[in-house]
Structures are given as structure tokens and as C-alpha cells.
Amino acid sequence: MTDTARARKLADRIRVVVAETLQRRIKDPRLGYVTITDTRVTGDLREATVFYTVYGDDEDRTASAAALESAKGVLRSEVGRQTGVRFTPTLAFVLDAVPDNARTIDDLLARARAADAQVREVAAGKGYAGDADPYRKPADDEVEDDSAEGAPATDEGAPGSGAASSSDGPAPTADGPASSGDGDA
């Protein structure tokens, strides 16, 4: 069975060992400013993928990739020596796409900011087509009721409203006519 915690620990240790070995032991002039960003190990601990970035242009990236491929044996032996696992995993180096993705996202955000600025320029000095806030609020309803002249405040006394006024006497019940309140029902 695979132990993901063990694979994660081994991946972290491989990342540290490869970074330190590249910094201290590998003296290849083709190797540019390489940063080891992540390492992933398969569940059976047989293969490790090392993700890296290179500071520079495409020429620096290709030269660093060639230097890493030529130093793969030294790096694998150092990983085996420092980790102490029974089978030293094979190393595969992959150029990390995170910086390119981050650059693309930054470009998209810049375009969105420019579009927002353009909309702000067009909207400057413009007014609403209707009211600024078209929704009614309870406070507005009270002001309208008080300002209406002679209109009833509620629909209680309106004919056909189903509500009885206080001058009509007791309201009829569902059982029959209204009682007079004498207690003889």
C-alpha cells in the first residue's frame, strides 16, 4: 500500500538535497540561476519529479535543462546517500510553469484594470436613468401615507375588504351570527 505521508516527506527531503547539491557541488557553467520549486514522488517511491524555474530567457532555460540532465547521476547518488531509502528514486526534471501562469494572470489583471478605468471615464459625470435607488423602503411608505389627503390610512373600513369596523358591533363567527355578549350562546 502507498503511504502518502512517507512519499511527501521523501519529496520534501529530495527537494532540499537537490537544491543544496546544485548550490555546492555542481559547477557546470551552463547551469543558470535555478530554483527548485517542488518535488513529487510516486506512491511506490520509485520515481521523483523535480520542478524548477530558471531566471533568464529561453536560452538560459535550455542550457540549464541540459546541465541538469548531465548532473542527474550525481544528484541521484547524493539523494540516495542522504535519504537512506532502500531504492533511490529516479529523478526527472520538469520546468515549472507557475511563473508563466503568474505572468499571464498579471497581464489579464492589467487588461481588466484598463477596461475598468475606461468604464469609469465613460461613467464620469453621468446620472442614473431613473431614481438613484429604485427600491421602496418602509420609511418611504410612511411618508406617502401621511401625505395623501383624505385617503384612509389602511384598508380596514373599505367595503369588500372582509374586515369589520368597530361601529358594526361584534364580528360574526364561523358558527353563526354574532353573540351579543350576554353569555347565552
Protein backbone atom coordinates (compact mmCIF):
# COMPACT_ATOMS: atom_id res chain seq x y z
CA MET A 1 0.00 0.00 0.00
CA THR A 2 1.11 3.54 -0.61
CA ASP A 3 1.91 5.81 2.28
CA THR A 4 1.27 9.38 1.14
CA ALA A 5 2.82 10.89 4.26
CA ARG A 6 6.05 8.99 3.63
CA ALA A 7 6.05 9.99 -0.04
CA ARG A 8 5.51 13.63 0.95
CA LYS A 9 8.37 13.52 3.46
CA LEU A 10 10.66 11.92 0.91
CA ALA A 11 9.68 14.51 -1.70
CA ASP A 12 10.49 17.35 0.69
CA ARG A 13 13.84 15.78 1.56
CA ILE A 14 14.70 15.25 -2.13
CA ARG A 15 13.89 18.89 -2.88
CA VAL A 16 16.29 20.07 -0.15
CA VAL A 17 19.06 17.64 -1.14
CA VAL A 18 18.87 18.54 -4.84
CA ALA A 19 18.87 22.28 -4.10
CA GLU A 20 21.85 22.04 -1.76
CA THR A 21 23.79 19.79 -4.15
CA LEU A 22 23.16 22.14 -7.07
CA GLN A 23 24.39 25.03 -4.98
CA ARG A 24 27.52 23.38 -3.54
CA ARG A 25 28.73 20.57 -5.78
CA ILE A 26 27.58 21.14 -9.37
CA LYS A 27 29.93 23.56 -11.11
CA ASP A 28 28.50 23.36 -14.64
CA PRO A 29 28.80 26.78 -16.36
CA ARG A 30 25.55 26.11 -18.27
CA LEU A 31 23.62 25.99 -15.00
CA GLY A 32 21.97 29.37 -14.51
CA TYR A 33 20.00 30.71 -11.57
CA VAL A 34 17.96 27.56 -10.91
CA THR A 35 15.38 27.40 -8.15
CA ILE A 36 13.87 24.08 -7.12
CA THR A 37 10.19 24.86 -6.56
CA ASP A 38 8.59 21.46 -5.87
CA THR A 39 9.20 17.73 -5.86
CA ARG A 40 6.66 14.93 -6.23
CA VAL A 41 7.29 11.26 -5.59
CA THR A 42 5.14 8.40 -6.87
CA GLY A 43 3.33 6.20 -4.36
CA ASP A 44 5.83 3.35 -4.74
CA LEU A 45 8.73 5.79 -4.08
CA ARG A 46 10.45 4.76 -7.35
CA GLU A 47 10.24 8.00 -9.36
CA ALA A 48 10.67 11.62 -8.32
CA THR A 49 9.71 14.60 -10.44
CA VAL A 50 11.67 17.75 -9.59
CA PHE A 51 10.12 21.05 -10.70
CA TYR A 52 12.44 24.00 -11.22
CA THR A 53 12.49 27.55 -12.54
CA VAL A 54 15.31 29.42 -14.23
CA TYR A 55 15.87 33.14 -14.04
CA GLY A 56 16.58 34.37 -17.56
CA ASP A 57 15.45 33.90 -21.13
CA ASP A 58 14.77 30.78 -23.22
CA GLU A 59 18.46 30.28 -23.96
CA ASP A 60 19.24 30.15 -20.22
CA ARG A 61 16.39 27.68 -19.72
CA THR A 62 17.62 25.27 -22.38
CA ALA A 63 21.21 25.47 -21.11
CA SER A 64 20.08 24.83 -17.52
CA ALA A 65 17.94 21.89 -18.65
CA ALA A 66 20.97 20.34 -20.37
CA ALA A 67 23.11 20.91 -17.25
CA LEU A 68 20.50 19.27 -15.02
CA GLU A 69 20.27 16.25 -17.33
CA SER A 70 24.04 15.82 -17.28
CA ALA A 71 24.16 16.16 -13.47
CA LYS A 72 21.29 13.73 -12.92
CA GLY A 73 23.58 10.84 -11.87
CA VAL A 74 25.45 12.90 -9.28
CA LEU A 75 22.19 14.28 -7.92
CA ARG A 76 20.60 10.82 -7.69
CA SER A 77 23.58 9.34 -5.86
CA GLU A 78 23.55 12.25 -3.40
CA VAL A 79 19.80 11.78 -2.84
CA GLY A 80 20.37 8.06 -2.15
CA ARG A 81 23.23 8.78 0.25
CA GLN A 82 21.34 11.44 2.25
CA THR A 83 17.88 9.87 2.37
CA GLY A 84 18.88 6.29 3.18
CA VAL A 85 15.98 4.66 1.34
CA ARG A 86 16.34 1.13 0.01
CA PHE A 87 15.72 2.14 -3.62
CA THR A 88 16.87 5.57 -4.72
CA PRO A 89 14.16 7.12 -6.90
CA THR A 90 14.95 8.14 -10.45
CA LEU A 91 14.92 11.90 -10.99
CA ALA A 92 13.04 13.68 -13.75
CA PHE A 93 13.46 17.45 -14.09
CA VAL A 94 10.48 19.47 -15.32
CA LEU A 95 10.47 23.22 -15.97
CA ASP A 96 7.82 24.69 -13.69
CA ALA A 97 5.03 26.59 -15.46
CA VAL A 98 4.00 28.64 -12.40
CA PRO A 99 5.96 31.79 -13.34
CA ASP A 100 4.50 31.76 -16.86
CA ASN A 101 0.99 31.28 -15.47
CA ALA A 102 1.56 34.10 -12.97
CA ARG A 103 2.73 36.38 -15.78
CA THR A 104 -0.37 35.52 -17.82
CA ILE A 105 -2.64 36.24 -14.85
CA ASP A 106 -0.87 39.56 -14.26
CA ASP A 107 -1.45 40.51 -17.91
CA LEU A 108 -5.14 39.61 -17.64
CA LEU A 109 -5.49 41.66 -14.45
CA ALA A 110 -3.81 44.64 -16.12
CA ARG A 111 -6.25 44.41 -19.04
CA ALA A 112 -9.19 44.23 -16.61
CA ARG A 113 -7.91 47.31 -14.76
CA ALA A 114 -7.62 49.19 -18.05
CA ALA A 115 -11.17 48.21 -19.03
CA ASP A 116 -12.47 49.30 -15.61
CA ALA A 117 -10.69 52.65 -15.97
CA GLN A 118 -12.26 53.12 -19.40
CA VAL A 119 -15.74 52.39 -17.99
CA ARG A 120 -15.08 54.84 -15.14
CA GLU A 121 -14.15 57.56 -17.68
CA VAL A 122 -17.34 57.00 -19.65
CA ALA A 123 -19.46 57.00 -16.48
CA ALA A 124 -17.90 60.17 -15.06
CA GLY A 125 -20.50 62.96 -14.83
CA LYS A 126 -23.36 60.72 -15.90
CA GLY A 127 -26.54 60.31 -13.88
CA TYR A 128 -28.95 57.49 -13.26
CA ALA A 129 -31.65 56.84 -15.84
CA GLY A 130 -34.27 56.73 -13.06
CA ASP A 131 -34.04 57.25 -9.35
CA ALA A 132 -30.72 56.61 -7.70
CA ASP A 133 -32.35 53.86 -5.62
CA PRO A 134 -35.44 52.45 -7.37
CA TYR A 135 -36.44 50.19 -4.48
CA ARG A 136 -39.12 51.21 -1.99
CA LYS A 137 -38.27 51.29 1.67
CA PRO A 138 -40.65 51.16 4.70
CA ALA A 139 -39.74 54.74 5.64
CA ASP A 140 -40.84 55.91 2.17
CA ASP A 141 -44.24 54.18 2.57
CA GLU A 142 -44.96 56.05 5.82
CA VAL A 143 -44.17 59.39 4.21
CA GLU A 144 -46.50 58.65 1.28
CA ASP A 145 -49.38 57.58 3.60
CA ASP A 146 -49.14 60.77 5.65
CA SER A 147 -49.02 62.97 2.59
CA ALA A 148 -52.16 61.50 0.94
CA GLU A 149 -55.14 63.80 1.57
CA GLY A 150 -58.35 62.18 2.78
CA ALA A 151 -57.24 58.71 1.86
CA PRO A 152 -57.74 56.07 4.53
CA ALA A 153 -54.56 55.01 6.26
CA THR A 154 -55.47 51.32 5.94
CA ASP A 155 -57.97 49.21 4.07
CA GLU A 156 -59.85 48.08 7.23
CA GLY A 157 -63.07 50.03 6.60
CA ALA A 158 -63.17 49.64 2.85
CA PRO A 159 -66.20 47.78 1.51
CA GLY A 160 -65.41 44.24 0.39
CA SER A 161 -62.23 44.14 2.39
CA GLY A 162 -63.55 41.47 4.72
CA ALA A 163 -62.72 43.43 7.83
CA ALA A 164 -65.48 44.72 10.07
CA SER A 165 -65.30 48.18 11.57
CA SER A 166 -65.71 48.73 15.29
CA SER A 167 -69.08 50.51 14.85
CA ASP A 168 -70.76 47.48 13.27
CA GLY A 169 -70.76 45.53 16.53
CA PRO A 170 -69.23 42.17 17.18
CA ALA A 171 -67.83 40.32 14.21
CA PRO A 172 -69.69 37.22 13.02
CA THR A 173 -68.12 33.90 13.80
CA ALA A 174 -67.90 30.79 11.67
CA ASP A 175 -70.62 29.09 13.77
CA GLY A 176 -73.34 31.58 13.04
CA PRO A 177 -74.49 35.09 13.96
CA ALA A 178 -72.52 37.19 16.36
CA SER A 179 -73.43 36.91 20.00
CA SER A 180 -74.48 39.94 21.94
CA GLY A 181 -72.06 39.19 24.71
CA ASP A 182 -74.76 38.16 27.27
CA GLY A 183 -73.24 34.73 27.68
CA ASP A 184 -76.25 32.75 26.34
CA ALA A 185 -74.96 31.13 23.25
